[in-house]
């Protein structure tokens, strides 16, 4: 197998694992609170990565300035992002989260314009508008088909979807805040520092859920879900993604993000048997079309 073939296989593997994380998170949330899950997941990931670096003698010590940037990356890309995502998935569905993940590239493009004054062509802006309209269809589709939105407090599912979109904004901030420093260290070192800081920052959030802690009602499913999230989604997926980035053109890697909603939707339907309505599927297709147009623009 050539380097390119291995890279393509690694890329597809990483997309499948990223897509599966929403469904697996939903399974783990049956017994664990959103913040508790984040704490356990990233503490375990930190221990695993630290052990690997100890075995391979791959530790790198960042400079004080770079350490601060890596810490900021951990707070944004681990604590803030996964706190919002876990809570969003807890309130909404794995299907919604999967479909909304297709809008992330468009959100990052908007953030690039606002923060870095990046230029986007008219076709690119059209793609962003399409992606946002598709996101609206995903969020409001179930409520619209089920009748008018509930008066007073909005349904938890709607709030969950909005939290997932807010997580996309946080991920964009993480991307721009850390893109300078990540190139100076190995992927393992970067992930170690960010996961470690992110896990520590998760602990106070998890303590707010201490009154809900209990022995797992479904121990096999919960332990398996945490193990897969830790080993497969937090470690293996990132290693595969790094391999793909090293050997494949950036445009190919970027376009592959559009595989996440497809894989994620299939996994959520097969594992959780979640209901999906036609406006959501149509919205997902519109989002993907918009993101592709944004990349071309």
Protein backbone atom coordinates (compact mmCIF):
# COMPACT_ATOMS: atom_id res chain seq x y z
CA UNK A 1 0.00 0.00 0.00
CA UNK A 2 1.39 3.40 -0.99
CA UNK A 3 1.68 6.38 1.34
CA UNK A 4 -1.23 8.04 -0.46
CA UNK A 5 -3.44 4.94 -0.13
CA UNK A 6 -2.66 4.73 3.58
CA UNK A 7 -3.41 8.44 3.93
CA UNK A 8 -6.78 8.08 2.18
CA UNK A 9 -7.68 5.12 4.39
CA UNK A 10 -6.60 7.09 7.47
CA UNK A 11 -8.67 10.08 6.35
CA UNK A 12 -11.84 8.04 5.87
CA UNK A 13 -11.23 6.28 9.20
CA UNK A 14 -10.90 9.61 11.02
CA UNK A 15 -14.12 10.91 9.44
CA UNK A 16 -16.02 7.76 10.49
CA UNK A 17 -14.74 8.09 14.06
CA UNK A 18 -15.53 11.80 14.22
CA UNK A 19 -19.02 11.07 12.90
CA UNK A 20 -19.57 8.23 15.36
CA UNK A 21 -18.62 10.41 18.33
CA UNK A 22 -22.06 12.08 18.44
CA UNK A 23 -23.88 8.76 18.70
CA UNK A 24 -21.38 7.33 21.19
CA UNK A 25 -21.68 10.50 23.28
CA UNK A 26 -25.45 10.06 23.37
CA UNK A 27 -24.97 6.51 24.71
CA UNK A 28 -22.52 7.65 27.41
CA UNK A 29 -24.83 10.48 28.50
CA UNK A 30 -27.42 7.96 29.69
CA UNK A 31 -25.35 7.43 32.85
CA UNK A 32 -22.95 10.41 32.88
CA UNK A 33 -23.61 14.13 32.96
CA UNK A 34 -22.25 16.20 30.05
CA UNK A 35 -19.48 17.78 32.14
CA UNK A 36 -18.61 14.55 33.92
CA UNK A 37 -18.26 12.81 30.56
CA UNK A 38 -15.94 15.54 29.31
CA UNK A 39 -13.77 15.27 32.41
CA UNK A 40 -13.47 11.46 32.31
CA UNK A 41 -12.89 11.35 28.57
CA UNK A 42 -10.06 13.85 28.44
CA UNK A 43 -8.37 12.82 31.69
CA UNK A 44 -8.12 9.29 30.30
CA UNK A 45 -6.94 10.58 26.91
CA UNK A 46 -4.24 12.66 28.63
CA UNK A 47 -2.98 9.64 30.57
CA UNK A 48 -2.89 7.49 27.41
CA UNK A 49 -1.01 10.09 25.37
CA UNK A 50 1.43 10.82 28.20
CA UNK A 51 2.13 7.10 28.50
CA UNK A 52 2.77 6.83 24.77
CA UNK A 53 5.14 9.80 24.79
CA UNK A 54 6.98 8.32 27.78
CA UNK A 55 7.45 5.03 25.93
CA UNK A 56 8.64 6.73 22.74
CA UNK A 57 10.57 9.46 24.55
CA UNK A 58 8.71 12.01 22.51
CA UNK A 59 8.11 14.67 25.16
CA UNK A 60 8.64 18.25 23.99
CA UNK A 61 8.74 21.20 26.39
CA UNK A 62 7.02 24.29 24.93
CA UNK A 63 8.34 27.76 25.62
CA UNK A 64 6.36 29.74 28.24
CA UNK A 65 4.65 31.76 25.50
CA UNK A 66 3.76 28.66 23.48
CA UNK A 67 2.58 26.91 26.65
CA UNK A 68 0.10 29.75 27.21
CA UNK A 69 -1.20 29.41 23.66
CA UNK A 70 -1.52 25.65 24.00
CA UNK A 71 -3.36 26.17 27.28
CA UNK A 72 -5.73 28.58 25.55
CA UNK A 73 -6.28 25.91 22.91
CA UNK A 74 -7.18 23.44 25.64
CA UNK A 75 -9.68 25.82 27.22
CA UNK A 76 -11.33 26.62 23.87
CA UNK A 77 -10.96 23.41 21.87
CA UNK A 78 -11.51 20.95 24.70
CA UNK A 79 -13.32 22.46 27.69
CA UNK A 80 -15.54 25.08 26.04
CA UNK A 81 -16.17 23.16 22.83
CA UNK A 82 -16.99 19.79 24.36
CA UNK A 83 -18.97 21.32 27.23
CA UNK A 84 -21.25 22.93 24.64
CA UNK A 85 -21.30 19.87 22.38
CA UNK A 86 -22.03 17.39 25.18
CA UNK A 87 -24.78 19.56 26.61
CA UNK A 88 -26.18 20.14 23.13
CA UNK A 89 -26.25 16.42 22.35
CA UNK A 90 -27.82 15.73 25.77
CA UNK A 91 -30.65 18.16 25.04
CA UNK A 92 -30.99 17.40 21.34
CA UNK A 93 -30.26 14.30 19.26
CA UNK A 94 -27.17 12.72 17.74
CA UNK A 95 -28.84 13.14 14.34
CA UNK A 96 -29.20 16.91 14.76
CA UNK A 97 -25.61 17.24 15.97
CA UNK A 98 -24.33 15.22 13.04
CA UNK A 99 -26.22 17.22 10.44
CA UNK A 100 -25.25 20.54 12.03
CA UNK A 101 -21.58 19.54 11.95
CA UNK A 102 -21.72 20.11 8.19
CA UNK A 103 -22.07 23.85 8.86
CA UNK A 104 -18.81 24.08 10.82
CA UNK A 105 -16.62 24.99 7.79
CA UNK A 106 -18.98 27.84 6.89
CA UNK A 107 -18.89 29.13 10.48
CA UNK A 108 -15.08 29.02 10.39
CA UNK A 109 -15.09 30.94 7.09
CA UNK A 110 -17.24 33.68 8.63
CA UNK A 111 -14.94 33.86 11.66
CA UNK A 112 -11.96 34.12 9.31
CA UNK A 113 -13.53 37.19 7.70
CA UNK A 114 -14.38 38.84 11.02
CA UNK A 115 -11.12 38.06 12.84
CA UNK A 116 -8.54 37.94 10.05
CA UNK A 117 -10.19 40.10 7.39
CA UNK A 118 -10.07 37.19 4.94
CA UNK A 119 -11.61 37.79 1.52
CA UNK A 120 -14.42 35.63 0.19
CA UNK A 121 -15.81 35.82 -3.33
CA UNK A 122 -19.54 36.31 -4.03
CA UNK A 123 -19.80 32.58 -4.72
CA UNK A 124 -18.25 31.93 -1.32
CA UNK A 125 -20.75 34.21 0.41
CA UNK A 126 -23.59 32.46 -1.43
CA UNK A 127 -22.27 29.18 -0.08
CA UNK A 128 -22.21 30.55 3.46
CA UNK A 129 -25.81 31.76 3.15
CA UNK A 130 -26.88 28.34 1.85
CA UNK A 131 -25.09 26.62 4.74
CA UNK A 132 -26.82 28.85 7.27
CA UNK A 133 -30.25 28.31 5.67
CA UNK A 134 -29.64 24.56 5.74
CA UNK A 135 -28.77 24.80 9.43
CA UNK A 136 -32.05 26.60 10.09
CA UNK A 137 -33.93 23.77 8.37
CA UNK A 138 -32.12 21.20 10.52
CA UNK A 139 -32.88 23.08 13.74
CA UNK A 140 -36.50 23.98 13.05
CA UNK A 141 -37.53 21.02 10.88
CA UNK A 142 -38.94 18.78 13.65
CA UNK A 143 -40.80 21.67 15.32
CA UNK A 144 -42.30 22.89 12.06
CA UNK A 145 -43.60 19.46 11.08
CA UNK A 146 -44.82 18.81 14.60
CA UNK A 147 -46.80 22.05 14.74
CA UNK A 148 -45.97 25.51 16.02
CA UNK A 149 -43.07 25.99 18.39
CA UNK A 150 -44.07 25.70 22.01
CA UNK A 151 -44.95 29.02 23.58
CA UNK A 152 -42.92 30.26 26.50
CA UNK A 153 -39.74 28.30 27.02
CA UNK A 154 -38.32 26.88 23.78
CA UNK A 155 -38.05 23.08 23.54
CA UNK A 156 -34.86 21.54 24.89
CA UNK A 157 -34.09 20.13 21.45
CA UNK A 158 -34.03 23.61 19.94
CA UNK A 159 -31.74 24.88 22.70
CA UNK A 160 -29.52 21.84 22.20
CA UNK A 161 -29.19 22.59 18.48
CA UNK A 162 -28.30 26.20 19.23
CA UNK A 163 -25.60 25.06 21.68
CA UNK A 164 -24.11 22.85 18.97
CA UNK A 165 -23.98 25.82 16.59
CA UNK A 166 -22.37 27.89 19.36
CA UNK A 167 -19.79 25.11 19.71
CA UNK A 168 -18.94 25.68 16.04
CA UNK A 169 -18.15 29.32 16.83
CA UNK A 170 -15.91 28.22 19.70
CA UNK A 171 -14.13 25.77 17.40
CA UNK A 172 -13.47 28.58 14.93
CA UNK A 173 -11.93 30.67 17.73
CA UNK A 174 -9.82 27.68 18.77
CA UNK A 175 -8.62 27.18 15.19
CA UNK A 176 -7.38 30.75 14.81
CA UNK A 177 -6.00 31.04 18.35
CA UNK A 178 -3.72 28.01 17.98
CA UNK A 179 -2.78 27.76 14.31
CA UNK A 180 0.61 29.43 14.85
CA UNK A 181 1.78 27.29 17.75
CA UNK A 182 0.62 23.86 16.56
CA UNK A 183 3.14 23.86 13.71
CA UNK A 184 6.08 24.12 16.12
CA UNK A 185 5.41 20.88 17.99
CA UNK A 186 4.40 17.31 17.21
CA UNK A 187 0.71 16.44 17.07
CA UNK A 188 1.14 14.26 20.16
CA UNK A 189 2.65 17.12 22.16
CA UNK A 190 -0.06 19.53 21.05
CA UNK A 191 -2.87 17.14 21.93
CA UNK A 192 -1.22 16.24 25.27
CA UNK A 193 -1.06 19.85 26.44
CA UNK A 194 -4.50 20.78 25.17
CA UNK A 195 -6.22 17.66 26.48
CA UNK A 196 -4.45 18.02 29.83
CA UNK A 197 -5.40 21.66 30.34
CA UNK A 198 -8.89 21.05 29.00
CA UNK A 199 -9.43 18.09 31.34
CA UNK A 200 -8.31 20.07 34.40
CA UNK A 201 -10.65 22.94 33.47
CA UNK A 202 -13.48 20.42 33.12
CA UNK A 203 -13.16 19.26 36.75
CA UNK A 204 -14.95 22.27 38.35
CA UNK A 205 -17.74 21.89 35.78
CA UNK A 206 -18.06 18.18 36.60
CA UNK A 207 -18.33 18.97 40.32
CA UNK A 208 -21.53 20.90 39.59
CA UNK A 209 -23.02 17.54 38.58
CA UNK A 210 -21.80 15.71 41.70
CA UNK A 211 -25.35 15.48 43.07
CA UNK A 212 -26.34 13.45 39.98
CA UNK A 213 -23.50 10.92 40.17
CA UNK A 214 -24.66 7.33 40.56
CA UNK A 215 -23.58 3.79 39.78
CA UNK A 216 -24.04 3.14 36.05
CA UNK A 217 -27.45 1.69 35.23
CA UNK A 218 -26.00 0.30 32.01
CA UNK A 219 -22.36 -0.36 32.98
CA UNK A 220 -21.33 -2.29 29.85
CA UNK A 221 -22.74 0.31 27.45
CA UNK A 222 -21.43 3.28 29.44
CA UNK A 223 -17.92 1.92 29.98
CA UNK A 224 -17.70 0.84 26.34
CA UNK A 225 -18.87 4.27 25.15
CA UNK A 226 -16.31 6.10 27.31
CA UNK A 227 -13.56 3.74 26.14
CA UNK A 228 -14.41 4.28 22.46
CA UNK A 229 -14.68 8.06 22.90
CA UNK A 230 -11.30 8.12 24.62
CA UNK A 231 -9.26 5.69 22.55
CA UNK A 232 -10.94 5.89 19.14
CA UNK A 233 -12.36 9.41 18.94
CA UNK A 234 -9.85 11.34 21.07
CA UNK A 235 -6.62 9.53 20.15
CA UNK A 236 -6.89 7.26 17.09
CA UNK A 237 -9.00 9.69 15.06
CA UNK A 238 -6.52 12.51 15.63
CA UNK A 239 -3.56 10.30 14.69
CA UNK A 240 -5.30 9.22 11.47
CA UNK A 241 -6.22 12.81 10.68
CA UNK A 242 -2.64 13.97 11.21
CA UNK A 243 -1.40 11.24 8.85
CA UNK A 244 -3.88 12.35 6.20
CA UNK A 245 -2.87 16.00 6.52
CA UNK A 246 0.78 15.01 6.07
CA UNK A 247 0.26 13.15 2.77
CA UNK A 248 -2.86 14.60 1.11
CA UNK A 249 -3.63 18.04 -0.39
CA UNK A 250 -5.33 20.46 1.98
CA UNK A 251 -8.34 20.79 -0.33
CA UNK A 252 -8.93 17.02 -0.20
CA UNK A 253 -8.74 16.96 3.59
CA UNK A 254 -11.03 19.99 3.91
CA UNK A 255 -13.62 18.56 1.54
CA UNK A 256 -13.62 15.28 3.48
CA UNK A 257 -15.34 17.03 6.39
CA UNK A 258 -18.52 16.70 4.35
CA UNK A 259 -18.36 12.93 4.95
CA UNK A 260 -19.04 13.45 8.67
CA UNK A 261 -22.79 14.21 8.39
CA UNK A 262 -23.29 11.31 5.96
CA UNK A 263 -21.52 8.75 8.16
CA UNK A 264 -22.95 10.25 11.34
CA UNK A 265 -26.54 10.15 10.09
CA UNK A 266 -26.25 6.48 9.11
CA UNK A 267 -24.64 5.56 12.46
CA UNK A 268 -27.27 7.46 14.49
CA UNK A 269 -30.12 5.83 12.58
CA UNK A 270 -28.66 2.32 12.89
CA UNK A 271 -27.57 2.51 16.55
CA UNK A 272 -30.06 4.87 18.19
CA UNK A 273 -32.97 4.55 15.74
CA UNK A 274 -33.51 8.30 15.99
CA UNK A 275 -36.24 9.85 13.89
CA UNK A 276 -35.21 12.22 11.12
CA UNK A 277 -37.67 14.34 9.11
CA UNK A 278 -37.31 15.34 5.49
CA UNK A 279 -36.56 19.07 6.15
CA UNK A 280 -33.51 17.96 8.13
CA UNK A 281 -32.21 15.74 5.34
CA UNK A 282 -32.85 18.50 2.81
CA UNK A 283 -31.17 20.99 5.12
CA UNK A 284 -28.14 18.73 5.45
CA UNK A 285 -27.80 18.49 1.66
CA UNK A 286 -28.12 22.28 1.37
CA UNK A 287 -25.43 22.76 4.03
CA UNK A 288 -23.03 20.43 2.22
CA UNK A 289 -23.67 22.18 -1.10
CA UNK A 290 -23.10 25.54 0.58
CA UNK A 291 -19.84 24.44 2.18
CA UNK A 292 -18.51 23.08 -1.12
CA UNK A 293 -19.42 26.39 -2.77
CA UNK A 294 -17.71 28.26 0.06
CA UNK A 295 -14.48 26.28 -0.46
CA UNK A 296 -14.55 27.10 -4.18
CA UNK A 297 -15.11 30.76 -3.35
